[in-house]
């Protein structure tokens, strides 16, 4: 029996549980009907954030919250969908009012895709691809960058690099292929969701799809997973997050599920009720925020795109912020998601190219 007194939650979530909405993990696995009809208690605020110099937003799937609980970090793709041809600072910190605090990373990244801010305020970036032939022809200096994970100090000093920038790995060792996201575990170990191109049903067996684990110094330890649909296999491990129990949640986008693991890679369970999620965030109260940016009549029939909010303990979905576009093309809605200590939600959008703020309407 779950001890409700030991679970920290906002009043709204506790009330929902008290009203009989509690589900355990085994029950949550059975919930596969579309969760499109849940209430939306949030109000959308557009144009809350500007970029340095007033430049236009690029695609962004990377947003996280500072250890202060209210400052926001984002990595965007240099007013385009790639930084290969730009020296613009792609990593930006905002205060709670949307003012720019600092920015850095100019000329260092190709395709910033995932972001994690650890408990010391260090900023980790998963740079998901290397420069392509067209980009290299236009900017030879883009060689030797991308396809790696970078750790920066809060001031922008490069502290660590995982993988070999500019080199694509085969999924068997420390060299990364297409790192989607990165997160630091409770003991300081580093976890990387590696392999971006495996979400299609036609992906071949050579496609990288794994979780790579490093020790706190950056030494490669192990990896688990391969392309596939079975437990412990992935079709694009797109987002990572830990709950208060130290369980690793993986947004397995191509398989339209969350997979949950122990820190040693032991499979626990899977949940499908949060949709075809690209981004996942779990706050200190074990509230789970899931960004479904790709559900469609072909990829996940009957499901709408948007942000689902629920419990990382029970798996129950409580709220749904729908994508305003009923029939979007390509990637829409938020692909990255985070929430501050006040309960405000931030959605990082690849297609519309913006960072949106959602606040409680009540």
Protein backbone atom coordinates (compact mmCIF):
# COMPACT_ATOMS: atom_id res chain seq x y z
CA UNK A 1 0.00 0.00 0.00
CA UNK A 2 1.32 3.43 -0.94
CA UNK A 3 1.86 5.70 2.05
CA UNK A 4 0.23 8.91 0.83
CA UNK A 5 1.76 10.90 3.66
CA UNK A 6 5.23 10.12 2.35
CA UNK A 7 4.54 11.36 -1.18
CA UNK A 8 5.09 15.07 -1.77
CA UNK A 9 2.50 16.52 -4.16
CA UNK A 10 0.73 19.78 -4.90
CA UNK A 11 -2.74 19.93 -3.36
CA UNK A 12 -4.41 19.35 -6.75
CA UNK A 13 -2.64 16.03 -7.31
CA UNK A 14 -3.20 14.86 -3.74
CA UNK A 15 -6.89 15.67 -4.08
CA UNK A 16 -7.11 13.66 -7.29
CA UNK A 17 -5.58 10.67 -5.56
CA UNK A 18 -7.88 11.12 -2.58
CA UNK A 19 -10.87 11.03 -4.93
CA UNK A 20 -10.02 7.52 -5.96
CA UNK A 21 -7.91 8.11 -9.05
CA UNK A 22 -4.89 6.24 -7.73
CA UNK A 23 -3.46 3.64 -10.12
CA UNK A 24 -0.55 1.36 -9.51
CA UNK A 25 2.03 0.59 -12.19
CA UNK A 26 0.39 -2.69 -13.16
CA UNK A 27 -2.96 -1.01 -13.70
CA UNK A 28 -1.35 1.87 -15.62
CA UNK A 29 0.04 -0.56 -18.16
CA UNK A 30 -3.51 -1.47 -19.13
CA UNK A 31 -4.52 2.12 -19.91
CA UNK A 32 -4.04 2.35 -23.66
CA UNK A 33 -7.10 4.32 -24.74
CA UNK A 34 -6.31 7.89 -25.87
CA UNK A 35 -5.95 10.29 -22.95
CA UNK A 36 -7.19 13.34 -24.83
CA UNK A 37 -10.14 14.37 -22.68
CA UNK A 38 -8.50 15.28 -19.40
CA UNK A 39 -8.99 18.84 -18.09
CA UNK A 40 -6.63 21.62 -19.08
CA UNK A 41 -6.20 24.04 -16.16
CA UNK A 42 -3.38 25.94 -17.90
CA UNK A 43 -3.29 29.24 -19.76
CA UNK A 44 -0.86 29.64 -22.67
CA UNK A 45 1.58 32.57 -22.79
CA UNK A 46 3.34 33.09 -26.11
CA UNK A 47 6.20 35.51 -26.84
CA UNK A 48 7.38 35.49 -23.22
CA UNK A 49 11.02 34.89 -24.16
CA UNK A 50 13.31 36.82 -26.51
CA UNK A 51 16.71 35.73 -27.80
CA UNK A 52 19.97 37.67 -27.49
CA UNK A 53 20.08 40.54 -29.94
CA UNK A 54 16.40 40.11 -30.69
CA UNK A 55 17.08 37.40 -33.27
CA UNK A 56 14.37 34.96 -34.28
CA UNK A 57 13.89 31.65 -32.51
CA UNK A 58 15.29 28.50 -34.03
CA UNK A 59 13.97 25.01 -33.48
CA UNK A 60 14.26 23.90 -29.87
CA UNK A 61 13.60 20.65 -28.06
CA UNK A 62 15.78 21.44 -25.03
CA UNK A 63 14.50 23.14 -21.87
CA UNK A 64 15.28 22.60 -18.18
CA UNK A 65 15.06 24.39 -14.83
CA UNK A 66 17.94 25.81 -12.79
CA UNK A 67 18.60 24.50 -9.25
CA UNK A 68 16.99 27.71 -7.95
CA UNK A 69 13.71 26.18 -9.12
CA UNK A 70 12.56 29.07 -11.26
CA UNK A 71 15.24 30.16 -13.76
CA UNK A 72 14.91 28.54 -17.18
CA UNK A 73 17.62 27.14 -19.44
CA UNK A 74 17.05 26.48 -23.11
CA UNK A 75 19.18 25.41 -26.06
CA UNK A 76 17.93 26.43 -29.51
CA UNK A 77 19.28 25.90 -33.02
CA UNK A 78 20.61 29.34 -33.89
CA UNK A 79 17.48 30.88 -35.46
CA UNK A 80 17.33 27.91 -37.84
CA UNK A 81 17.24 24.13 -37.45
CA UNK A 82 21.02 23.84 -37.18
CA UNK A 83 23.93 25.77 -35.68
CA UNK A 84 26.43 24.45 -38.24
CA UNK A 85 26.49 27.77 -40.10
CA UNK A 86 26.21 30.08 -37.09
CA UNK A 87 28.31 31.37 -34.19
CA UNK A 88 25.26 32.53 -32.22
CA UNK A 89 25.04 31.55 -28.56
CA UNK A 90 22.62 28.63 -28.55
CA UNK A 91 22.44 28.08 -24.76
CA UNK A 92 20.48 30.75 -22.89
CA UNK A 93 19.46 31.21 -19.27
CA UNK A 94 16.37 33.27 -18.31
CA UNK A 95 15.18 34.47 -14.94
CA UNK A 96 11.62 33.76 -13.81
CA UNK A 97 10.41 36.92 -15.51
CA UNK A 98 11.83 35.93 -18.89
CA UNK A 99 14.87 38.23 -18.79
CA UNK A 100 18.11 36.93 -20.30
CA UNK A 101 20.69 36.20 -17.59
CA UNK A 102 23.50 34.71 -19.67
CA UNK A 103 24.19 32.91 -22.94
CA UNK A 104 27.07 30.86 -24.35
CA UNK A 105 27.97 27.99 -26.66
CA UNK A 106 28.46 29.98 -29.86
CA UNK A 107 30.30 28.00 -32.54
CA UNK A 108 30.49 24.86 -30.38
CA UNK A 109 27.34 22.93 -31.28
CA UNK A 110 25.63 21.57 -34.39
CA UNK A 111 22.17 20.33 -33.37
CA UNK A 112 21.43 20.90 -29.67
CA UNK A 113 18.70 18.42 -28.85
CA UNK A 114 18.60 17.62 -25.13
CA UNK A 115 19.51 19.60 -22.02
CA UNK A 116 19.96 18.71 -18.36
CA UNK A 117 20.91 21.04 -15.50
CA UNK A 118 22.38 19.09 -12.60
CA UNK A 119 22.14 19.87 -8.89
CA UNK A 120 25.29 21.99 -9.02
CA UNK A 121 23.95 24.08 -11.87
CA UNK A 122 26.15 22.55 -14.54
CA UNK A 123 24.53 22.49 -17.97
CA UNK A 124 24.65 19.29 -20.04
CA UNK A 125 23.85 19.38 -23.76
CA UNK A 126 23.17 16.41 -26.02
CA UNK A 127 24.26 17.52 -29.50
CA UNK A 128 22.43 14.99 -31.62
CA UNK A 129 24.18 15.05 -34.97
CA UNK A 130 27.33 15.99 -36.83
CA UNK A 131 27.39 18.45 -39.73
CA UNK A 132 26.14 17.12 -43.05
CA UNK A 133 27.95 17.45 -46.39
CA UNK A 134 26.09 20.61 -47.39
CA UNK A 135 26.90 22.30 -44.10
CA UNK A 136 30.55 21.27 -44.25
CA UNK A 137 30.82 22.66 -47.78
CA UNK A 138 29.54 26.02 -46.54
CA UNK A 139 31.44 25.98 -43.26
CA UNK A 140 34.46 23.64 -43.01
CA UNK A 141 34.89 24.75 -39.38
CA UNK A 142 31.82 22.67 -38.52
CA UNK A 143 33.94 19.52 -38.83
CA UNK A 144 34.84 17.84 -35.56
CA UNK A 145 31.67 18.97 -33.81
CA UNK A 146 28.37 17.34 -32.86
CA UNK A 147 27.30 13.82 -32.07
CA UNK A 148 28.48 14.22 -28.46
CA UNK A 149 27.43 15.33 -24.99
CA UNK A 150 28.98 18.43 -23.41
CA UNK A 151 29.07 19.52 -19.78
CA UNK A 152 29.35 23.27 -19.17
CA UNK A 153 29.71 25.21 -15.96
CA UNK A 154 26.88 27.69 -15.25
CA UNK A 155 29.17 30.36 -16.70
CA UNK A 156 29.77 28.45 -19.94
CA UNK A 157 33.17 26.83 -19.32
CA UNK A 158 33.43 23.44 -21.03
CA UNK A 159 34.09 20.88 -18.28
CA UNK A 160 33.59 17.49 -19.94
CA UNK A 161 32.87 15.87 -23.29
CA UNK A 162 31.30 12.44 -23.75
CA UNK A 163 31.78 10.70 -27.07
CA UNK A 164 34.00 11.90 -29.92
CA UNK A 165 32.72 15.13 -31.51
CA UNK A 166 32.39 14.80 -35.26
CA UNK A 167 32.56 10.98 -35.12
CA UNK A 168 29.52 8.68 -35.27
CA UNK A 169 29.68 5.62 -33.02
CA UNK A 170 28.26 2.16 -33.64
CA UNK A 171 26.49 1.76 -30.32
CA UNK A 172 29.01 -0.55 -28.68
CA UNK A 173 31.23 1.68 -26.57
CA UNK A 174 31.89 5.22 -25.38
CA UNK A 175 31.58 6.92 -28.79
CA UNK A 176 28.05 8.20 -29.25
CA UNK A 177 25.97 8.03 -32.40
CA UNK A 178 23.05 10.47 -32.14
CA UNK A 179 22.66 11.45 -28.47
CA UNK A 180 19.11 12.59 -27.80
CA UNK A 181 19.21 13.44 -24.12
CA UNK A 182 21.39 13.25 -21.01
CA UNK A 183 20.66 13.07 -17.29
CA UNK A 184 22.79 12.72 -14.16
CA UNK A 185 21.65 9.98 -11.79
CA UNK A 186 21.41 10.07 -7.99
CA UNK A 187 24.98 8.76 -7.54
CA UNK A 188 26.48 11.08 -10.17
CA UNK A 189 26.52 8.53 -12.98
CA UNK A 190 25.66 9.94 -16.38
CA UNK A 191 23.01 8.42 -18.66
CA UNK A 192 22.65 9.19 -22.38
CA UNK A 193 19.77 8.21 -24.66
CA UNK A 194 21.66 7.36 -27.85
CA UNK A 195 20.17 6.88 -31.32
CA UNK A 196 17.78 9.35 -32.96
CA UNK A 197 16.91 7.63 -36.23
CA UNK A 198 15.34 4.44 -34.95
CA UNK A 199 11.72 5.49 -34.62
CA UNK A 200 10.64 4.30 -38.07
CA UNK A 201 9.27 0.79 -38.40
CA UNK A 202 11.77 0.18 -41.22
CA UNK A 203 14.87 0.82 -39.06
CA UNK A 204 17.41 -1.96 -39.62
CA UNK A 205 19.23 -3.91 -36.95
CA UNK A 206 22.35 -1.76 -37.24
CA UNK A 207 20.47 1.32 -36.02
CA UNK A 208 21.75 2.53 -32.65
CA UNK A 209 19.11 2.50 -29.91
CA UNK A 210 20.51 2.29 -26.40
CA UNK A 211 21.15 3.88 -23.03
CA UNK A 212 24.86 4.58 -22.50
CA UNK A 213 26.10 4.95 -18.92
CA UNK A 214 29.26 6.75 -17.74
CA UNK A 215 30.70 7.27 -14.28
CA UNK A 216 30.86 10.79 -12.77
CA UNK A 217 34.30 11.36 -14.34
CA UNK A 218 33.04 10.51 -17.82
CA UNK A 219 34.44 6.97 -17.99
CA UNK A 220 32.22 4.67 -20.04
CA UNK A 221 30.68 1.91 -17.92
CA UNK A 222 28.11 0.03 -19.96
CA UNK A 223 25.12 0.34 -22.24
CA UNK A 224 21.87 -1.53 -22.69
CA UNK A 225 19.22 -1.78 -25.37
CA UNK A 226 19.02 -2.25 -29.12
CA UNK A 227 16.60 -1.44 -31.90
CA UNK A 228 13.31 -3.24 -31.36
CA UNK A 229 9.97 -3.29 -29.60
CA UNK A 230 10.53 -5.78 -26.77
CA UNK A 231 11.05 -4.69 -23.14
CA UNK A 232 14.46 -3.05 -22.86
CA UNK A 233 14.63 -2.32 -26.61
CA UNK A 234 14.09 1.11 -28.14
CA UNK A 235 12.96 2.93 -31.22
CA UNK A 236 14.55 6.29 -30.36
CA UNK A 237 15.18 6.80 -26.62
CA UNK A 238 14.29 10.47 -26.97
CA UNK A 239 14.07 11.79 -23.40
CA UNK A 240 15.31 10.81 -19.93
CA UNK A 241 14.30 11.63 -16.35
CA UNK A 242 14.67 10.23 -12.83
CA UNK A 243 11.93 10.06 -10.22
CA UNK A 244 12.40 10.39 -6.45
CA UNK A 245 12.89 6.63 -6.15
CA UNK A 246 15.89 6.74 -8.45
CA UNK A 247 14.12 5.01 -11.33
CA UNK A 248 15.11 5.99 -14.85
CA UNK A 249 12.21 6.93 -17.14
CA UNK A 250 12.88 6.75 -20.89
CA UNK A 251 10.64 8.38 -23.49
CA UNK A 252 10.76 5.56 -26.07
CA UNK A 253 9.16 7.65 -28.79
CA UNK A 254 9.00 5.23 -31.71
CA UNK A 255 7.45 2.58 -29.48
CA UNK A 256 4.89 5.05 -28.13
CA UNK A 257 5.70 4.34 -24.50
CA UNK A 258 7.67 5.20 -21.40
CA UNK A 259 10.03 2.48 -20.23
CA UNK A 260 11.13 2.47 -16.58
CA UNK A 261 14.44 0.97 -15.42
CA UNK A 262 16.58 0.49 -12.36
CA UNK A 263 19.89 2.34 -12.52
CA UNK A 264 21.69 -0.83 -13.61
CA UNK A 265 19.40 -1.21 -16.62
CA UNK A 266 17.02 -3.74 -15.08
CA UNK A 267 13.64 -3.37 -16.78
CA UNK A 268 10.73 -2.56 -14.46
CA UNK A 269 7.67 -1.76 -16.58
CA UNK A 270 6.29 0.34 -19.43
CA UNK A 271 3.50 2.92 -19.64
CA UNK A 272 1.60 3.89 -22.78
CA UNK A 273 -0.94 6.35 -21.36
CA UNK A 274 1.26 9.42 -21.88
CA UNK A 275 1.23 9.12 -25.69
CA UNK A 276 4.04 9.25 -28.24
CA UNK A 277 6.20 11.42 -26.06
CA UNK A 278 9.37 13.19 -27.14
CA UNK A 279 10.14 14.98 -23.88
CA UNK A 280 9.78 13.93 -20.26
CA UNK A 281 10.31 15.86 -17.02
CA UNK A 282 9.70 14.74 -13.42
CA UNK A 283 9.70 17.36 -10.68
CA UNK A 284 10.63 16.95 -7.00
CA UNK A 285 7.02 16.04 -6.18
CA UNK A 286 7.05 13.19 -8.72
CA UNK A 287 4.74 15.03 -11.07
CA UNK A 288 5.45 13.75 -14.58
CA UNK A 289 5.24 16.07 -17.60
CA UNK A 290 5.16 14.34 -20.99
CA UNK A 291 5.45 16.21 -24.29
CA UNK A 292 3.71 14.36 -27.13
CA UNK A 293 4.86 16.15 -30.28
CA UNK A 294 4.26 13.46 -32.88
CA UNK A 295 1.04 11.53 -32.36
CA UNK A 296 -0.84 11.41 -35.64
CA UNK A 297 -3.37 9.22 -37.51
CA UNK A 298 -0.46 7.15 -38.79
CA UNK A 299 1.97 7.14 -35.85
CA UNK A 300 -0.52 6.89 -32.96
CA UNK A 301 -4.13 6.77 -34.19
CA UNK A 302 -6.72 8.45 -32.01
CA UNK A 303 -4.24 10.38 -29.88
CA UNK A 304 -3.82 14.15 -29.88
CA UNK A 305 -0.54 15.99 -29.55
CA UNK A 306 0.12 18.08 -26.48
CA UNK A 307 1.49 17.93 -22.93
CA UNK A 308 0.13 15.32 -20.51
CA UNK A 309 0.63 15.84 -16.78
CA UNK A 310 0.34 13.05 -14.26
CA UNK A 311 2.03 11.04 -11.54
CA UNK A 312 5.39 9.28 -11.83
CA UNK A 313 4.38 7.15 -8.84
CA UNK A 314 0.99 5.86 -9.98
CA UNK A 315 1.13 6.48 -13.74
CA UNK A 316 -2.20 8.27 -13.69
CA UNK A 317 -2.72 11.09 -16.23
CA UNK A 318 -4.41 14.11 -14.66
CA UNK A 319 -4.26 16.94 -17.18
CA UNK A 320 -3.82 17.46 -20.90
CA UNK A 321 -2.71 20.66 -22.65
CA UNK A 322 -3.69 20.05 -26.28
CA UNK A 323 -1.78 21.22 -29.31
CA UNK A 324 -3.89 24.05 -30.77
CA UNK A 325 -3.41 22.54 -34.23
CA UNK A 326 -5.85 19.68 -34.71
CA UNK A 327 -4.12 18.34 -37.83
CA UNK A 328 -0.51 19.53 -37.69
CA UNK A 329 2.06 18.54 -40.23
CA UNK A 330 5.54 17.44 -39.20
CA UNK A 331 6.53 18.02 -35.59
CA UNK A 332 4.27 20.36 -33.68
CA UNK A 333 3.41 21.12 -30.09
CA UNK A 334 6.14 20.88 -27.46
CA UNK A 335 8.97 18.38 -27.96
CA UNK A 336 10.87 19.37 -24.81
CA UNK A 337 9.17 20.11 -21.51
CA UNK A 338 10.06 21.31 -18.00
CA UNK A 339 8.24 22.77 -15.00
CA UNK A 340 9.42 25.23 -12.36
CA UNK A 341 8.77 25.13 -8.61
CA UNK A 342 5.69 27.31 -9.03
CA UNK A 343 4.07 24.76 -11.35
CA UNK A 344 4.59 26.78 -14.54
CA UNK A 345 5.28 24.55 -17.55
CA UNK A 346 7.63 25.36 -20.43
CA UNK A 347 7.28 23.75 -23.83
CA UNK A 348 10.19 23.79 -26.32
CA UNK A 349 8.87 23.56 -29.87
CA UNK A 350 10.75 22.31 -32.92
CA UNK A 351 8.17 23.07 -35.61
CA UNK A 352 6.69 26.39 -34.48
CA UNK A 353 10.17 27.39 -33.20
CA UNK A 354 9.38 28.95 -29.86
CA UNK A 355 9.47 28.46 -26.10
CA UNK A 356 5.96 28.63 -24.65
CA UNK A 357 4.99 29.19 -21.03
CA UNK A 358 1.89 27.62 -19.47
CA UNK A 359 0.53 28.89 -16.15
CA UNK A 360 -2.31 27.65 -14.00
CA UNK A 361 -5.48 29.49 -14.93
CA UNK A 362 -7.06 29.09 -11.49
